[in-house]
Amino acid sequence: MHSLTTRISSRAKLRLRWYDDIVNPTKATLELKLRRNLFGWKVSDKVNFGQKKLSIMSWNELGTLLKKQVNHDLALHFATSSLPILMNRYKRDYFMSADKNIRDTLDQNVQFFDQRMGCKMNKKFKNISPDMMIMEVKVDAKNAHLVKNFTKSIYFPRTKNSKYVIGVCSILGY
C-alpha cells in the first residue's frame, strides 16, 4: 500500500514597496504578496505620503497613514500583522522575451536594514549582506511550460530564493 502526499505550499507576505528616494519617497505601494505552490500573485494599493517625510515618521504614524489610504482587505491584513522586521533594497533590471510571454528580473547589490529595534525606519545602518545576484523568471500560469526551455540555456543554479529569508538571517547573524 502506498501513500501519496501532495505538498501544498502557501504563504502571504505584506510589504511596503517604493522606487524613488529611499529617505523620503513621495509615493509607495502596500502589497500583499501571495503564493500557492509555484504560482504567485499580488494584491496592492497605492499610498501617497504628500508632504509627510518617511525619514521622520514613526511606525505608528506610518500605520495610520497606510490604513487611511488602502482598501479594506489590505488595511485589515496590515492591522493584524506584527511590527516591521526588515527593509531591503537592491538594483533591479527587467527583461522580456520577444513574444512577451516570459518576464525576467535580475537583482543585484542587495542590502538589508534591521527594523526591529527602532520606533521609526532604519535607513542608515545596514547589515552585512551576502554578495549575490538573483534572477527570477516570471510567466502567467498558462505559459508555465515555457520556463523549462527558457532556463536550459542560462547557467545559474536553480534554487528557491527569498530575499526576505536571507535578510532575516543576515540581521540575526546567521
C-alpha atoms as a PDB file:
ATOM      1  CA  MET A   1       0.000   0.000   0.000  1.00  0.00           C
ATOM      2  CA  HIS A   2       1.397   3.397  -0.981  1.00  0.00           C
ATOM      3  CA  SER A   3       0.550   6.755   0.428  1.00  0.00           C
ATOM      4  CA  LEU A   4       0.600   9.709  -1.919  1.00  0.00           C
ATOM      5  CA  THR A   5       1.059  13.060  -0.250  1.00  0.00           C
ATOM      6  CA  THR A   6       0.586  16.265  -2.161  1.00  0.00           C
ATOM      7  CA  ARG A   7       2.626  19.098  -0.768  1.00  0.00           C
ATOM      8  CA  ILE A   8       0.806  22.401  -0.869  1.00  0.00           C
ATOM      9  CA  SER A   9       2.869  25.468  -0.162  1.00  0.00           C
ATOM     10  CA  SER A  10       1.011  28.660   0.665  1.00  0.00           C
ATOM     11  CA  ARG A  11       2.232  31.923   2.107  1.00  0.00           C
ATOM     12  CA  ALA A  12       1.355  35.582   2.400  1.00  0.00           C
ATOM     13  CA  LYS A  13       3.741  38.486   2.942  1.00  0.00           C
ATOM     14  CA  LEU A  14       2.828  42.116   3.465  1.00  0.00           C
ATOM     15  CA  ARG A  15       5.311  44.708   2.271  1.00  0.00           C
ATOM     16  CA  LEU A  16       5.597  48.394   1.525  1.00  0.00           C
ATOM     17  CA  ARG A  17       7.406  48.987  -1.760  1.00  0.00           C
ATOM     18  CA  TRP A  18       8.672  52.182  -3.345  1.00  0.00           C
ATOM     19  CA  TYR A  19      11.049  53.040  -6.147  1.00  0.00           C
ATOM     20  CA  ASP A  20      12.192  56.597  -5.718  1.00  0.00           C
ATOM     21  CA  ASP A  21      14.117  58.302  -2.926  1.00  0.00           C
ATOM     22  CA  ILE A  22      14.933  55.812  -0.142  1.00  0.00           C
ATOM     23  CA  VAL A  23      14.839  58.513   2.539  1.00  0.00           C
ATOM     24  CA  ASN A  24      11.665  60.374   1.622  1.00  0.00           C
ATOM     25  CA  PRO A  25       9.611  58.721  -1.110  1.00  0.00           C
ATOM     26  CA  THR A  26       6.551  60.622  -2.302  1.00  0.00           C
ATOM     27  CA  LYS A  27       4.508  57.508  -3.036  1.00  0.00           C
ATOM     28  CA  ALA A  28       4.597  53.780  -2.327  1.00  0.00           C
ATOM     29  CA  THR A  29       2.559  50.614  -2.761  1.00  0.00           C
ATOM     30  CA  LEU A  30       1.287  48.465   0.090  1.00  0.00           C
ATOM     31  CA  GLU A  31       1.418  44.992  -1.340  1.00  0.00           C
ATOM     32  CA  LEU A  32       0.182  41.624  -0.117  1.00  0.00           C
ATOM     33  CA  LYS A  33       2.294  39.051  -1.912  1.00  0.00           C
ATOM     34  CA  LEU A  34       0.598  35.654  -2.074  1.00  0.00           C
ATOM     35  CA  ARG A  35       1.961  32.297  -3.204  1.00  0.00           C
ATOM     36  CA  ARG A  36       0.297  28.942  -3.758  1.00  0.00           C
ATOM     37  CA  ASN A  37       2.754  26.230  -4.788  1.00  0.00           C
ATOM     38  CA  LEU A  38       4.772  27.583  -7.727  1.00  0.00           C
ATOM     39  CA  PHE A  39       2.426  30.441  -8.603  1.00  0.00           C
ATOM     40  CA  GLY A  40       2.375  33.859  -7.008  1.00  0.00           C
ATOM     41  CA  TRP A  41       0.247  36.974  -7.295  1.00  0.00           C
ATOM     42  CA  LYS A  42      -0.178  40.305  -5.530  1.00  0.00           C
ATOM     43  CA  VAL A  43      -2.960  42.447  -4.116  1.00  0.00           C
ATOM     44  CA  SER A  44      -1.860  46.057  -3.829  1.00  0.00           C
ATOM     45  CA  ASP A  45      -2.938  49.631  -3.317  1.00  0.00           C
ATOM     46  CA  LYS A  46      -1.185  52.974  -3.776  1.00  0.00           C
ATOM     47  CA  VAL A  47      -0.101  55.190  -0.901  1.00  0.00           C
ATOM     48  CA  ASN A  48       0.806  58.884  -1.141  1.00  0.00           C
ATOM     49  CA  PHE A  49       2.984  60.470   1.523  1.00  0.00           C
ATOM     50  CA  GLY A  50       2.127  64.010   0.429  1.00  0.00           C
ATOM     51  CA  GLN A  51       4.198  66.462   2.467  1.00  0.00           C
ATOM     52  CA  LYS A  52       4.948  63.878   5.172  1.00  0.00           C
ATOM     53  CA  LYS A  53       8.549  62.706   5.371  1.00  0.00           C
ATOM     54  CA  LEU A  54       9.075  58.983   5.849  1.00  0.00           C
ATOM     55  CA  SER A  55      12.525  59.688   7.344  1.00  0.00           C
ATOM     56  CA  ILE A  56      10.997  61.210  10.479  1.00  0.00           C
ATOM     57  CA  MET A  57       7.671  59.349  10.585  1.00  0.00           C
ATOM     58  CA  SER A  58       7.185  56.849  13.441  1.00  0.00           C
ATOM     59  CA  TRP A  59       5.890  53.334  12.755  1.00  0.00           C
ATOM     60  CA  ASN A  60       2.561  54.369  14.344  1.00  0.00           C
ATOM     61  CA  GLU A  61       2.255  57.423  12.081  1.00  0.00           C
ATOM     62  CA  LEU A  62       3.074  55.303   9.036  1.00  0.00           C
ATOM     63  CA  GLY A  63       0.477  52.720  10.078  1.00  0.00           C
ATOM     64  CA  THR A  64      -2.212  55.386  10.458  1.00  0.00           C
ATOM     65  CA  LEU A  65      -1.375  56.852   7.040  1.00  0.00           C
ATOM     66  CA  LEU A  66      -1.464  53.416   5.352  1.00  0.00           C
ATOM     67  CA  LYS A  67      -4.765  52.363   6.931  1.00  0.00           C
ATOM     68  CA  LYS A  68      -6.462  55.559   5.708  1.00  0.00           C
ATOM     69  CA  GLN A  69      -5.369  55.097   2.079  1.00  0.00           C
ATOM     70  CA  VAL A  70      -5.554  51.399   1.240  1.00  0.00           C
ATOM     71  CA  ASN A  71      -8.515  49.123   0.548  1.00  0.00           C
ATOM     72  CA  HIS A  72     -10.280  47.361   3.419  1.00  0.00           C
ATOM     73  CA  ASP A  73      -8.667  43.933   2.897  1.00  0.00           C
ATOM     74  CA  LEU A  74      -5.126  45.341   2.891  1.00  0.00           C
ATOM     75  CA  ALA A  75      -5.898  47.542   5.914  1.00  0.00           C
ATOM     76  CA  LEU A  76      -7.227  44.505   7.787  1.00  0.00           C
ATOM     77  CA  HIS A  77      -4.164  42.427   6.917  1.00  0.00           C
ATOM     78  CA  PHE A  78      -1.919  45.320   7.956  1.00  0.00           C
ATOM     79  CA  ALA A  79      -3.766  45.710  11.281  1.00  0.00           C
ATOM     80  CA  THR A  80      -3.186  42.036  12.120  1.00  0.00           C
ATOM     81  CA  SER A  81       0.480  41.992  11.093  1.00  0.00           C
ATOM     82  CA  SER A  82       3.280  42.393  13.570  1.00  0.00           C
ATOM     83  CA  LEU A  83       5.831  45.177  13.546  1.00  0.00           C
ATOM     84  CA  PRO A  84       8.245  45.665  10.639  1.00  0.00           C
ATOM     85  CA  ILE A  85      11.304  43.416  10.703  1.00  0.00           C
ATOM     86  CA  LEU A  86      13.331  44.122   7.595  1.00  0.00           C
ATOM     87  CA  MET A  87      13.897  46.658   4.862  1.00  0.00           C
ATOM     88  CA  ASN A  88      15.814  45.526   1.822  1.00  0.00           C
ATOM     89  CA  ARG A  89      16.874  47.378  -1.263  1.00  0.00           C
ATOM     90  CA  TYR A  90      18.549  46.326  -4.466  1.00  0.00           C
ATOM     91  CA  LYS A  91      19.179  47.282  -8.062  1.00  0.00           C
ATOM     92  CA  ARG A  92      16.722  45.537 -10.379  1.00  0.00           C
ATOM     93  CA  ASP A  93      16.947  45.119 -14.154  1.00  0.00           C
ATOM     94  CA  TYR A  94      13.950  43.984 -16.196  1.00  0.00           C
ATOM     95  CA  PHE A  95      13.910  41.824 -19.327  1.00  0.00           C
ATOM     96  CA  MET A  96      11.140  40.434 -21.534  1.00  0.00           C
ATOM     97  CA  SER A  97      11.063  37.815 -24.262  1.00  0.00           C
ATOM     98  CA  ALA A  98      10.278  38.967 -27.815  1.00  0.00           C
ATOM     99  CA  ASP A  99       6.825  37.346 -27.614  1.00  0.00           C
ATOM    100  CA  LYS A 100       6.246  38.997 -24.192  1.00  0.00           C
ATOM    101  CA  ASN A 101       5.326  35.671 -22.569  1.00  0.00           C
ATOM    102  CA  ILE A 102       8.362  35.478 -20.296  1.00  0.00           C
ATOM    103  CA  ARG A 103       9.445  38.236 -17.930  1.00  0.00           C
ATOM    104  CA  ASP A 104      12.759  38.164 -16.127  1.00  0.00           C
ATOM    105  CA  THR A 105      14.182  40.258 -13.298  1.00  0.00           C
ATOM    106  CA  LEU A 106      17.803  40.418 -12.194  1.00  0.00           C
ATOM    107  CA  ASP A 107      18.500  41.776  -8.690  1.00  0.00           C
ATOM    108  CA  GLN A 108      21.975  42.909  -7.601  1.00  0.00           C
ATOM    109  CA  ASN A 109      23.587  44.937  -4.805  1.00  0.00           C
ATOM    110  CA  VAL A 110      21.123  43.585  -2.236  1.00  0.00           C
ATOM    111  CA  GLN A 111      21.255  45.369   1.133  1.00  0.00           C
ATOM    112  CA  PHE A 112      19.390  44.648   4.375  1.00  0.00           C
ATOM    113  CA  PHE A 113      18.373  47.027   7.172  1.00  0.00           C
ATOM    114  CA  ASP A 114      17.183  45.721  10.563  1.00  0.00           C
ATOM    115  CA  GLN A 115      13.870  47.329  11.564  1.00  0.00           C
ATOM    116  CA  ARG A 116      13.220  45.565  14.881  1.00  0.00           C
ATOM    117  CA  MET A 117      14.725  47.991  17.401  1.00  0.00           C
ATOM    118  CA  GLY A 118      13.560  51.487  16.497  1.00  0.00           C
ATOM    119  CA  CYS A 119      10.305  53.382  16.625  1.00  0.00           C
ATOM    120  CA  LYS A 120      10.895  54.579  13.059  1.00  0.00           C
ATOM    121  CA  MET A 121      12.527  53.242   9.913  1.00  0.00           C
ATOM    122  CA  ASN A 122      16.264  52.461   9.930  1.00  0.00           C
ATOM    123  CA  LYS A 123      17.598  53.559   6.543  1.00  0.00           C
ATOM    124  CA  LYS A 124      21.202  54.230   7.593  1.00  0.00           C
ATOM    125  CA  PHE A 125      22.677  51.198   9.301  1.00  0.00           C
ATOM    126  CA  LYS A 126      22.772  48.178   7.023  1.00  0.00           C
ATOM    127  CA  ASN A 127      23.663  44.655   7.959  1.00  0.00           C
ATOM    128  CA  ILE A 128      26.327  42.572   6.292  1.00  0.00           C
ATOM    129  CA  SER A 129      24.724  41.258   3.131  1.00  0.00           C
ATOM    130  CA  PRO A 130      25.924  38.322   1.052  1.00  0.00           C
ATOM    131  CA  ASP A 131      27.236  39.163  -2.411  1.00  0.00           C
ATOM    132  CA  MET A 132      24.525  37.692  -4.608  1.00  0.00           C
ATOM    133  CA  MET A 133      22.681  38.073  -7.856  1.00  0.00           C
ATOM    134  CA  ILE A 134      19.104  36.823  -8.105  1.00  0.00           C
ATOM    135  CA  MET A 135      17.326  36.130 -11.370  1.00  0.00           C
ATOM    136  CA  GLU A 136      13.604  35.422 -11.311  1.00  0.00           C
ATOM    137  CA  VAL A 137      11.684  34.111 -14.295  1.00  0.00           C
ATOM    138  CA  LYS A 138       8.000  35.044 -14.362  1.00  0.00           C
ATOM    139  CA  VAL A 139       5.214  33.747 -16.581  1.00  0.00           C
ATOM    140  CA  ASP A 140       1.444  33.549 -16.471  1.00  0.00           C
ATOM    141  CA  ALA A 141       0.184  30.155 -15.250  1.00  0.00           C
ATOM    142  CA  LYS A 142      -0.963  29.231 -18.769  1.00  0.00           C
ATOM    143  CA  ASN A 143       2.631  29.656 -20.046  1.00  0.00           C
ATOM    144  CA  ALA A 144       4.403  27.712 -17.270  1.00  0.00           C
ATOM    145  CA  HIS A 145       5.603  25.128 -19.808  1.00  0.00           C
ATOM    146  CA  LEU A 146       7.777  27.808 -21.484  1.00  0.00           C
ATOM    147  CA  VAL A 147      10.073  28.213 -18.465  1.00  0.00           C
ATOM    148  CA  LYS A 148      11.870  24.881 -18.822  1.00  0.00           C
ATOM    149  CA  ASN A 149      13.140  25.616 -22.351  1.00  0.00           C
ATOM    150  CA  PHE A 150      13.972  29.216 -21.463  1.00  0.00           C
ATOM    151  CA  THR A 151      16.108  28.307 -18.448  1.00  0.00           C
ATOM    152  CA  LYS A 152      18.041  25.499 -20.206  1.00  0.00           C
ATOM    153  CA  SER A 153      20.451  27.994 -21.757  1.00  0.00           C
ATOM    154  CA  ILE A 154      21.046  30.019 -18.579  1.00  0.00           C
ATOM    155  CA  TYR A 155      23.948  28.943 -16.397  1.00  0.00           C
ATOM    156  CA  PHE A 156      22.676  29.961 -12.965  1.00  0.00           C
ATOM    157  CA  PRO A 157      21.996  27.419 -10.242  1.00  0.00           C
ATOM    158  CA  ARG A 158      18.239  26.943  -9.998  1.00  0.00           C
ATOM    159  CA  THR A 159      17.081  27.301  -6.419  1.00  0.00           C
ATOM    160  CA  LYS A 160      14.195  28.635  -4.457  1.00  0.00           C
ATOM    161  CA  ASN A 161      15.111  32.004  -3.061  1.00  0.00           C
ATOM    162  CA  SER A 162      13.695  34.585  -0.713  1.00  0.00           C
ATOM    163  CA  LYS A 163      15.427  37.914  -0.195  1.00  0.00           C
ATOM    164  CA  TYR A 164      13.286  38.228   2.937  1.00  0.00           C
ATOM    165  CA  VAL A 165      14.603  34.966   4.431  1.00  0.00           C
ATOM    166  CA  ILE A 166      18.203  35.845   3.509  1.00  0.00           C
ATOM    167  CA  GLY A 167      17.712  39.298   5.043  1.00  0.00           C
ATOM    168  CA  VAL A 168      16.266  37.925   8.285  1.00  0.00           C
ATOM    169  CA  CYS A 169      19.217  35.516   8.515  1.00  0.00           C
ATOM    170  CA  SER A 170      21.531  38.485   7.952  1.00  0.00           C
ATOM    171  CA  ILE A 171      20.058  40.590  10.764  1.00  0.00           C
ATOM    172  CA  LEU A 172      20.051  37.569  13.115  1.00  0.00           C
ATOM    173  CA  GLY A 173      23.713  36.894  12.358  1.00  0.00           C
ATOM    174  CA  TYR A 174      23.355  33.570  10.502  1.00  0.00           C
END
